[in-house]
Protein backbone atom coordinates (compact mmCIF):
# COMPACT_ATOMS: atom_id res chain seq x y z
CA MET A 1 -103.86 301.03 101.47
CA MET A 2 -105.07 297.06 100.57
CA ASN A 3 -103.43 296.32 104.43
CA ASN A 4 -106.31 298.51 105.53
CA ILE A 5 -109.45 296.91 104.13
CA GLU A 6 -107.66 293.24 103.81
CA GLY A 7 -109.42 292.34 107.28
CA MET A 8 -112.90 293.66 106.67
CA ASP A 9 -115.41 291.36 107.53
CA GLU A 10 -119.29 290.65 106.04
CA GLU A 11 -120.66 292.71 109.07
CA THR A 12 -118.13 295.73 108.17
CA PHE A 13 -119.18 295.73 104.71
CA LYS A 14 -123.00 295.82 105.98
CA ALA A 15 -122.20 298.87 108.55
CA LEU A 16 -120.47 300.74 105.62
CA ASP A 17 -123.26 300.54 103.50
CA VAL A 18 -126.06 301.49 106.18
CA PHE A 19 -123.64 304.25 107.76
CA ILE A 20 -123.20 305.95 104.17
CA GLN A 21 -126.90 305.50 103.57
CA ASN A 22 -127.95 307.04 106.97
CA ASN A 23 -125.17 309.82 106.54
CA ILE A 24 -125.81 311.22 103.10
CA GLY A 25 -123.83 313.83 101.60
CA LEU A 26 -120.39 313.27 103.36
CA THR A 27 -116.90 314.04 102.10
CA SER A 28 -114.44 311.10 102.64
CA SER A 29 -112.45 312.83 105.04
CA GLU A 30 -115.95 313.28 106.89
CA LEU A 31 -116.71 309.90 106.59
CA VAL A 32 -113.45 308.98 107.69
CA LYS A 33 -113.89 310.49 110.86
CA ARG A 34 -117.10 309.52 111.71
CA ILE A 35 -116.96 305.90 111.33
CA LYS A 36 -116.52 304.25 114.35
CA PHE A 37 -116.74 300.86 113.50
CA TYR A 38 -113.57 300.29 111.21
CA THR A 39 -110.36 302.50 110.57
CA PHE A 40 -110.08 303.65 107.19
CA THR A 41 -107.65 306.00 105.74
CA GLU A 42 -109.39 308.29 102.64
CA GLU A 43 -107.57 306.37 100.09
CA SER A 44 -108.66 303.05 101.13
CA LEU A 45 -112.27 304.24 101.73
CA GLU A 46 -112.46 305.59 98.09
CA HIS A 47 -110.62 302.88 96.74
CA LEU A 48 -112.92 300.18 98.67
CA LEU A 49 -116.26 302.31 97.38
CA ASP A 50 -114.88 302.03 93.94
CA ILE A 51 -114.29 298.34 94.06
CA ILE A 52 -117.98 297.68 95.33
CA ASN A 53 -119.17 299.78 92.22
CA LYS A 54 -117.16 298.16 89.80
CA ASN A 55 -118.22 294.45 91.12
CA PRO A 56 -121.85 294.75 92.20
CA GLN A 57 -122.28 291.16 92.00
CA SER A 58 -119.38 290.24 94.42
CA PHE A 59 -121.09 293.02 96.86
CA ASN A 60 -124.78 292.35 95.96
CA GLU A 61 -126.13 293.89 99.44
CA GLN A 62 -123.48 296.87 99.45
CA GLY A 63 -123.95 300.22 97.40
CA PRO A 64 -124.03 301.21 94.57
CA PHE A 65 -122.04 304.39 95.75
CA ILE A 66 -122.11 307.86 94.17
CA LYS A 67 -119.61 310.50 94.53
CA ARG A 68 -120.77 313.75 93.47
CA GLY A 69 -118.21 316.46 93.73
CA GLU A 70 -116.69 315.56 96.73
CA LYS A 71 -119.44 313.77 98.62
CA TRP A 72 -120.53 310.21 98.77
CA TYR A 73 -124.33 309.00 98.72
CA ASN A 74 -125.76 305.50 98.87
CA LYS A 75 -127.99 304.64 95.46
CA LYS A 76 -130.12 302.68 97.18
CA LYS A 77 -131.45 305.71 99.25
CA MET A 78 -134.76 306.34 97.33
CA LYS A 79 -134.50 309.73 94.96
CA LYS A 80 -137.63 311.29 96.65
CA GLU A 81 -135.79 310.69 100.05
CA MET A 82 -132.59 312.03 98.95
CA ILE A 83 -134.32 315.19 97.40
CA ILE A 84 -136.04 315.80 100.63
CA GLU A 85 -133.13 315.47 102.66
CA LEU A 86 -131.11 317.35 100.18
CA LYS A 87 -133.88 320.37 100.02
CA GLU A 88 -133.47 320.03 103.99
CA GLU A 89 -129.58 320.76 104.00
CA ASN A 90 -129.94 323.54 101.45
CA ILE A 91 -132.44 325.33 104.28
CA ARG A 92 -130.08 324.50 107.03
CA LEU A 93 -126.94 325.81 104.97
CA ASN A 94 -128.87 329.12 104.02
CA GLN A 95 -129.86 329.71 107.56
CA GLU A 96 -126.57 329.03 108.50
CA LEU A 97 -125.23 331.44 106.03
CA ASN A 98 -127.81 334.24 106.82
CA ARG A 99 -126.73 333.97 110.69
CA TYR A 100 -123.18 334.41 109.55
CA LYS A 101 -124.29 337.55 107.22
CA LYS A 102 -126.13 339.11 110.23
CA MET A 103 -122.92 338.43 112.50
CA LEU A 104 -120.56 340.05 110.22
CA GLY A 105 -123.09 343.03 109.63
CA SER A 106 -123.34 343.66 113.44
CA GLN A 107 -119.32 344.44 113.47
């Protein structure tokens, strides 16, 4: 696990911070699959985010990151923006659920 994150440089840390900020609410598995700038394992990514959170003075421009359930969020994201984005995601998911219900009802 440590071998996986030892080779990270400052640009990778910055890219990770921005990526999680712009892609809120993804699980560790989803993050690992979508991140193209570095090859993480789920275990190494979660360990790194935990290290960043526990050592904010060492990573003063990255994070902090919040894990709610299985999903990760960048705390820098303004609360208001996050609420709006979560409401939009909720609407989208409800629409998708209704579409599936209609599909099942028409069979």
